[in-house]
């Protein structure tokens, strides 16, 4: 890979809020950006009006960004492909991409979750579905970032992680500018695990806010939540230091404290007494933490990792447990040693 990132052709698969914001960063960095999604009216809106009102209503999308109705057209002769579709769609889109791609681009993903059933990380799914001859390698792009703030050039720092350090550096150069800073990492397991599991804790933090608890409770769930994330991540093979970095504590802070976070908002509504079906129906966007809670609970049980907060949130989401009772049960468990790191 070249030391300097000259103009590249990049396909962004997924025109949601995060995909659109990342496409804007790439376009402003001078790259040739093509964005693809399966909502044809949305593609027409981007091309005609240069807006994406459902996801980022105040954003004027750069005129240079081209929305493609055909996946084959979107990925034709690209240097890199950025997957930003919901976790449940990753395998389907990757399989279709594998059938239409004609060259060997760098594969990047900025989605956050674990696949239902298999409990696999997104990079594992991509590696299974995209043949080695159709990709150079896989890079994870993750960290504390709200699309709404990136869109208005708020200062943002995130991580590009890959087993191949040169590819992580390529992605770093591809995205980095004066408001969007990228750090590299080789701990793909840790970065993906932190990215997925923080959404669970954000639901819990939102629920506590919905119950009108204050900063003490917020600090408690985020700190002990990070302990759970770290335990499971290390059991999966991650470097524990990753969880005190951008894709660990950084992403947990931004997702667990902000109204921009759909996971926090969902939890907040649950804390206020709304039913899960009602919350998800009115959200208008995928709440990744709901499905990730189920995957993480099952994975933790299979690995023998203690995750009481995750189990409690699972009971609220899937067993209909009342939020205040769940909180009380969590607080009145038998006392434990804080620094215990039993796997």
Protein backbone atom coordinates (compact mmCIF):
# COMPACT_ATOMS: atom_id res chain seq x y z
CA UNK A 1 0.00 0.00 0.00
CA UNK A 2 1.20 3.47 -0.84
CA UNK A 3 2.58 5.70 1.88
CA UNK A 4 0.37 8.62 0.83
CA UNK A 5 -3.30 8.06 0.11
CA UNK A 6 -3.96 9.61 -3.30
CA UNK A 7 -7.50 9.96 -4.59
CA UNK A 8 -9.30 6.64 -4.14
CA UNK A 9 -12.60 5.27 -5.38
CA UNK A 10 -14.64 4.08 -2.42
CA UNK A 11 -18.03 2.37 -2.24
CA UNK A 12 -20.07 2.96 0.92
CA UNK A 13 -22.64 0.21 1.42
CA UNK A 14 -25.33 1.49 3.75
CA UNK A 15 -26.81 5.01 3.52
CA UNK A 16 -27.89 5.34 7.15
CA UNK A 17 -26.69 8.15 9.37
CA UNK A 18 -23.22 6.68 9.97
CA UNK A 19 -22.70 5.58 6.39
CA UNK A 20 -23.71 9.02 5.14
CA UNK A 21 -21.43 10.83 7.59
CA UNK A 22 -18.46 8.64 6.66
CA UNK A 23 -19.20 9.15 2.96
CA UNK A 24 -19.07 12.89 3.60
CA UNK A 25 -15.66 12.59 5.29
CA UNK A 26 -14.31 10.63 2.32
CA UNK A 27 -15.73 13.08 -0.22
CA UNK A 28 -14.33 16.07 1.65
CA UNK A 29 -10.94 14.33 1.61
CA UNK A 30 -11.10 14.36 -2.19
CA UNK A 31 -12.04 10.74 -2.82
CA UNK A 32 -14.49 9.44 -5.43
CA UNK A 33 -17.40 8.20 -3.31
CA UNK A 34 -20.32 6.01 -4.40
CA UNK A 35 -23.01 5.13 -1.87
CA UNK A 36 -25.41 2.20 -2.19
CA UNK A 37 -28.61 1.16 -0.46
CA UNK A 38 -31.71 -0.87 -1.25
CA UNK A 39 -34.17 2.03 -0.82
CA UNK A 40 -34.45 3.44 -4.32
CA UNK A 41 -36.32 6.57 -3.23
CA UNK A 42 -33.49 7.34 -0.83
CA UNK A 43 -30.91 6.91 -3.61
CA UNK A 44 -32.91 9.26 -5.83
CA UNK A 45 -33.08 11.82 -3.01
CA UNK A 46 -29.30 11.77 -2.54
CA UNK A 47 -28.66 12.22 -6.26
CA UNK A 48 -31.34 14.83 -6.85
CA UNK A 49 -31.41 16.92 -3.69
CA UNK A 50 -28.11 15.90 -2.02
CA UNK A 51 -29.93 15.23 1.23
CA UNK A 52 -30.74 12.21 3.41
CA UNK A 53 -33.57 13.68 5.44
CA UNK A 54 -34.64 10.54 7.31
CA UNK A 55 -31.21 10.02 8.88
CA UNK A 56 -29.43 13.41 8.85
CA UNK A 57 -32.11 16.00 8.12
CA UNK A 58 -29.83 19.04 8.42
CA UNK A 59 -26.96 17.73 6.28
CA UNK A 60 -26.23 18.97 2.76
CA UNK A 61 -24.43 15.99 1.21
CA UNK A 62 -21.46 16.87 -1.03
CA UNK A 63 -22.55 17.03 -4.65
CA UNK A 64 -19.66 14.75 -5.63
CA UNK A 65 -21.19 11.74 -3.83
CA UNK A 66 -23.04 9.47 -6.26
CA UNK A 67 -25.83 7.20 -5.04
CA UNK A 68 -26.00 3.93 -6.96
CA UNK A 69 -29.08 1.75 -7.38
CA UNK A 70 -26.97 -1.25 -8.43
CA UNK A 71 -24.46 -2.86 -6.09
CA UNK A 72 -22.39 -3.95 -9.08
CA UNK A 73 -22.19 -0.34 -10.29
CA UNK A 74 -21.32 0.90 -6.80
CA UNK A 75 -18.33 -1.43 -6.40
CA UNK A 76 -17.01 -1.28 -9.97
CA UNK A 77 -13.24 -0.65 -10.00
CA UNK A 78 -13.21 0.52 -6.36
CA UNK A 79 -10.08 0.69 -4.22
CA UNK A 80 -12.02 0.19 -0.98
CA UNK A 81 -15.49 -0.89 0.12
CA UNK A 82 -16.99 0.33 3.38
CA UNK A 83 -19.76 -1.82 4.90
CA UNK A 84 -22.07 0.23 7.14
CA UNK A 85 -25.22 -1.90 7.06
CA UNK A 86 -26.95 -3.33 10.16
CA UNK A 87 -25.36 -6.46 11.59
CA UNK A 88 -28.28 -8.65 10.52
CA UNK A 89 -27.71 -7.60 6.87
CA UNK A 90 -23.92 -8.03 6.79
CA UNK A 91 -23.87 -11.63 5.59
CA UNK A 92 -26.48 -11.10 2.87
CA UNK A 93 -24.82 -7.96 1.49
CA UNK A 94 -21.34 -9.50 1.68
CA UNK A 95 -22.54 -12.55 -0.23
CA UNK A 96 -24.04 -10.37 -2.96
CA UNK A 97 -20.89 -8.23 -3.07
CA UNK A 98 -18.78 -11.35 -3.51
CA UNK A 99 -20.83 -12.25 -6.60
CA UNK A 100 -20.49 -8.89 -8.36
CA UNK A 101 -17.04 -7.55 -7.45
CA UNK A 102 -14.46 -7.82 -10.24
CA UNK A 103 -11.29 -6.65 -8.49
CA UNK A 104 -9.63 -6.89 -5.05
CA UNK A 105 -10.49 -3.87 -2.88
CA UNK A 106 -9.72 -3.28 0.78
CA UNK A 107 -12.76 -4.26 2.85
CA UNK A 108 -13.65 -1.87 5.70
CA UNK A 109 -16.58 -2.17 8.06
CA UNK A 110 -18.02 0.34 10.51
CA UNK A 111 -20.95 -1.74 11.80
CA UNK A 112 -21.22 -2.72 15.46
CA UNK A 113 -22.70 -5.99 16.61
CA UNK A 114 -22.51 -9.78 16.84
CA UNK A 115 -24.29 -12.07 14.41
CA UNK A 116 -27.32 -13.78 15.89
CA UNK A 117 -27.02 -17.54 16.30
CA UNK A 118 -23.36 -17.85 15.35
CA UNK A 119 -22.21 -15.04 17.73
CA UNK A 120 -19.54 -14.21 15.17
CA UNK A 121 -17.88 -10.84 14.89
CA UNK A 122 -18.57 -8.87 11.70
CA UNK A 123 -15.06 -9.30 10.32
CA UNK A 124 -15.47 -13.07 10.68
CA UNK A 125 -18.71 -12.97 8.69
CA UNK A 126 -17.08 -10.86 5.98
CA UNK A 127 -14.12 -13.24 5.78
CA UNK A 128 -16.48 -16.18 5.35
CA UNK A 129 -18.57 -14.58 2.62
CA UNK A 130 -15.96 -12.66 0.59
CA UNK A 131 -13.46 -14.87 -1.20
CA UNK A 132 -9.76 -14.08 -0.60
CA UNK A 133 -9.30 -13.28 -4.29
CA UNK A 134 -12.03 -10.61 -3.98
CA UNK A 135 -10.43 -8.66 -1.13
CA UNK A 136 -7.05 -7.38 0.01
CA UNK A 137 -7.88 -7.66 3.69
CA UNK A 138 -10.40 -6.52 6.29
CA UNK A 139 -10.21 -3.39 8.46
CA UNK A 140 -12.52 -2.46 11.34
CA UNK A 141 -13.38 1.23 11.77
CA UNK A 142 -14.76 1.94 15.23
CA UNK A 143 -14.74 4.35 18.15
CA UNK A 144 -16.63 7.14 19.94
CA UNK A 145 -18.54 8.86 17.17
CA UNK A 146 -22.03 10.21 16.59
CA UNK A 147 -22.89 10.70 12.93
CA UNK A 148 -24.73 13.91 13.79
CA UNK A 149 -21.53 15.42 15.18
CA UNK A 150 -19.20 14.15 12.45
CA UNK A 151 -21.58 15.70 9.91
CA UNK A 152 -20.96 19.16 11.40
CA UNK A 153 -17.19 18.61 11.74
CA UNK A 154 -17.12 18.10 15.48
CA UNK A 155 -13.72 16.80 16.60
CA UNK A 156 -13.77 13.00 16.47
CA UNK A 157 -11.15 10.29 17.08
CA UNK A 158 -11.67 6.62 16.22
CA UNK A 159 -9.67 3.44 15.52
CA UNK A 160 -8.81 1.49 12.37
CA UNK A 161 -7.95 -2.09 13.33
CA UNK A 162 -6.63 -4.89 11.16
CA UNK A 163 -4.44 -7.96 11.43
CA UNK A 164 -2.47 -6.35 8.59
CA UNK A 165 -1.00 -3.12 9.94
CA UNK A 166 -0.39 -1.68 6.48
CA UNK A 167 -4.11 -1.88 5.72
CA UNK A 168 -4.98 -0.15 8.99
CA UNK A 169 -2.57 2.63 8.01
CA UNK A 170 -4.19 2.84 4.57
CA UNK A 171 -7.61 3.40 6.16
CA UNK A 172 -6.05 5.92 8.54
CA UNK A 173 -4.81 7.97 5.59
CA UNK A 174 -8.08 7.50 3.71
CA UNK A 175 -10.20 9.12 6.42
CA UNK A 176 -7.96 11.41 8.46
CA UNK A 177 -8.34 15.20 8.31
CA UNK A 178 -8.44 18.19 10.66
CA UNK A 179 -11.66 17.11 12.44
CA UNK A 180 -11.55 13.33 11.98
CA UNK A 181 -8.51 11.62 13.48
CA UNK A 182 -7.78 7.89 13.12
CA UNK A 183 -5.52 5.75 15.30
CA UNK A 184 -4.39 2.27 14.21
CA UNK A 185 -4.64 -0.97 16.16
CA UNK A 186 -3.98 -4.64 15.44
CA UNK A 187 -6.42 -6.03 18.05
CA UNK A 188 -9.40 -6.72 15.79
CA UNK A 189 -11.11 -8.93 18.40
CA UNK A 190 -10.94 -6.25 21.09
CA UNK A 191 -12.06 -3.40 18.84
CA UNK A 192 -15.04 -5.33 17.49
CA UNK A 193 -16.03 -6.67 20.90
CA UNK A 194 -15.94 -3.25 22.52
CA UNK A 195 -17.93 -1.77 19.64
CA UNK A 196 -20.66 -4.39 19.91
CA UNK A 197 -21.03 -4.75 23.67
CA UNK A 198 -21.08 -1.06 24.59
CA UNK A 199 -24.54 -0.88 22.99
CA UNK A 200 -25.84 -3.23 25.69
CA UNK A 201 -24.52 -1.03 28.48
CA UNK A 202 -25.92 2.06 26.73
CA UNK A 203 -29.41 0.56 26.91
CA UNK A 204 -28.90 0.08 30.65
CA UNK A 205 -27.58 3.62 31.11
CA UNK A 206 -30.58 5.01 29.27
CA UNK A 207 -32.93 2.94 31.41
CA UNK A 208 -31.37 4.34 34.60
CA UNK A 209 -31.86 7.87 33.26
CA UNK A 210 -35.45 6.97 32.43
CA UNK A 211 -35.88 6.00 36.08
CA UNK A 212 -34.50 9.45 37.03
CA UNK A 213 -31.30 8.14 38.59
CA UNK A 214 -28.37 10.54 38.44
CA UNK A 215 -24.66 10.66 37.75
CA UNK A 216 -23.72 8.13 40.44
CA UNK A 217 -25.81 5.47 38.73
CA UNK A 218 -24.44 6.46 35.33
CA UNK A 219 -20.87 6.03 36.55
CA UNK A 220 -21.74 2.72 38.21
CA UNK A 221 -23.25 1.03 35.15
CA UNK A 222 -20.59 2.31 32.76
CA UNK A 223 -17.69 1.26 34.98
CA UNK A 224 -19.06 -2.16 35.85
CA UNK A 225 -20.29 -2.53 32.29
CA UNK A 226 -16.76 -1.97 31.04
CA UNK A 227 -15.59 -4.73 33.40
CA UNK A 228 -18.07 -7.12 31.76
CA UNK A 229 -17.04 -6.08 28.26
CA UNK A 230 -13.38 -6.63 29.16
CA UNK A 231 -14.02 -10.05 30.70
CA UNK A 232 -15.83 -11.34 27.64
CA UNK A 233 -13.39 -9.71 25.25
CA UNK A 234 -10.35 -11.24 26.92
CA UNK A 235 -12.06 -14.63 26.94
CA UNK A 236 -12.45 -14.22 23.17
CA UNK A 237 -8.75 -13.42 22.77
CA UNK A 238 -8.66 -9.63 22.97
CA UNK A 239 -5.90 -7.49 24.45
CA UNK A 240 -7.30 -6.06 27.73
CA UNK A 241 -5.62 -2.69 27.02
CA UNK A 242 -7.92 -2.19 24.04
CA UNK A 243 -10.83 -1.68 26.40
CA UNK A 244 -9.31 1.43 27.95
CA UNK A 245 -8.91 2.90 24.47
CA UNK A 246 -11.18 4.59 21.94
CA UNK A 247 -13.15 1.50 20.97
CA UNK A 248 -13.58 0.51 24.62
CA UNK A 249 -14.15 3.16 27.25
CA UNK A 250 -14.27 5.91 24.60
CA UNK A 251 -17.15 4.36 22.68
CA UNK A 252 -18.88 3.42 25.92
CA UNK A 253 -18.83 7.05 27.12
CA UNK A 254 -20.22 8.49 23.92
CA UNK A 255 -22.91 5.82 23.54
CA UNK A 256 -23.90 5.58 27.19
CA UNK A 257 -24.34 9.29 27.88
CA UNK A 258 -25.91 10.91 24.83
CA UNK A 259 -29.37 11.46 23.37
CA UNK A 260 -27.74 10.96 19.95
CA UNK A 261 -27.37 7.26 20.84
CA UNK A 262 -30.37 5.23 19.68
CA UNK A 263 -29.40 2.52 22.23
CA UNK A 264 -29.46 5.08 25.06
CA UNK A 265 -32.76 6.48 23.80
CA UNK A 266 -34.28 3.01 23.63
CA UNK A 267 -33.19 2.29 27.19
CA UNK A 268 -34.48 5.65 28.35
CA UNK A 269 -37.94 4.89 26.98
CA UNK A 270 -37.89 1.47 28.62
CA UNK A 271 -37.02 3.13 31.92
CA UNK A 272 -39.99 5.45 31.47
CA UNK A 273 -42.30 2.45 31.18
CA UNK A 274 -42.65 1.98 27.43
CA UNK A 275 -42.81 -1.55 26.00
CA UNK A 276 -39.94 -2.81 23.84
CA UNK A 277 -42.08 -3.37 20.73
CA UNK A 278 -43.35 0.19 20.95
CA UNK A 279 -39.84 1.56 21.44
CA UNK A 280 -38.40 -0.27 18.44
CA UNK A 281 -41.35 0.63 16.22
CA UNK A 282 -40.98 4.33 16.96
CA UNK A 283 -37.18 4.49 16.80
CA UNK A 284 -37.01 4.47 13.01
CA UNK A 285 -33.46 3.04 13.06
CA UNK A 286 -31.90 -0.28 14.07
CA UNK A 287 -31.15 -0.55 17.80
CA UNK A 288 -28.18 -2.91 17.62
CA UNK A 289 -27.94 -3.36 21.38
CA UNK A 290 -31.17 -5.36 21.54
CA UNK A 291 -29.97 -8.24 19.37
CA UNK A 292 -26.41 -7.93 20.71
CA UNK A 293 -27.70 -8.47 24.26
CA UNK A 294 -29.06 -11.87 23.26
CA UNK A 295 -25.88 -12.85 21.42
CA UNK A 296 -23.63 -11.68 24.26
CA UNK A 297 -25.65 -13.52 26.91
CA UNK A 298 -25.47 -16.76 24.94
CA UNK A 299 -21.77 -16.28 24.21
CA UNK A 300 -20.92 -15.48 27.83
CA UNK A 301 -22.72 -18.62 28.98
CA UNK A 302 -20.83 -20.77 26.48
CA UNK A 303 -17.50 -19.27 27.62
CA UNK A 304 -18.33 -19.29 31.33
CA UNK A 305 -17.97 -15.49 31.70
CA UNK A 306 -19.95 -13.71 34.44
CA UNK A 307 -21.97 -10.79 32.96
CA UNK A 308 -24.68 -9.82 35.48
CA UNK A 309 -25.54 -6.46 33.87
CA UNK A 310 -25.94 -8.07 30.46
CA UNK A 311 -28.07 -10.85 31.95
CA UNK A 312 -30.25 -8.28 33.70
CA UNK A 313 -30.77 -6.24 30.53
CA UNK A 314 -31.57 -9.49 28.70
CA UNK A 315 -34.31 -10.20 31.26
CA UNK A 316 -35.80 -6.76 30.64
CA UNK A 317 -35.65 -7.06 26.85
CA UNK A 318 -36.61 -10.70 26.36
CA UNK A 319 -38.42 -11.79 29.52
CA UNK A 320 -40.43 -8.64 30.17
CA UNK A 321 -38.87 -7.96 33.58
CA UNK A 322 -39.83 -4.59 35.06
CA UNK A 323 -36.90 -2.17 34.85
CA UNK A 324 -36.95 -0.91 38.42
CA UNK A 325 -37.17 -4.45 39.79
CA UNK A 326 -34.29 -5.50 37.53
CA UNK A 327 -32.21 -2.64 38.87
CA UNK A 328 -32.99 -3.58 42.48
CA UNK A 329 -32.12 -7.22 41.88
CA UNK A 330 -28.80 -6.22 40.32
CA UNK A 331 -27.92 -3.96 43.24
CA UNK A 332 -28.75 -6.53 45.91
CA UNK A 333 -26.64 -9.38 44.56
CA UNK A 334 -24.01 -10.88 46.85
CA UNK A 335 -20.98 -8.61 47.25
CA UNK A 336 -17.86 -9.31 45.17
CA UNK A 337 -14.26 -8.12 44.89
CA UNK A 338 -13.93 -5.21 42.44
CA UNK A 339 -10.78 -6.27 40.61
CA UNK A 340 -11.77 -9.91 40.21
CA UNK A 341 -11.15 -10.91 36.61
CA UNK A 342 -12.37 -14.50 36.60
CA UNK A 343 -12.82 -15.87 33.09
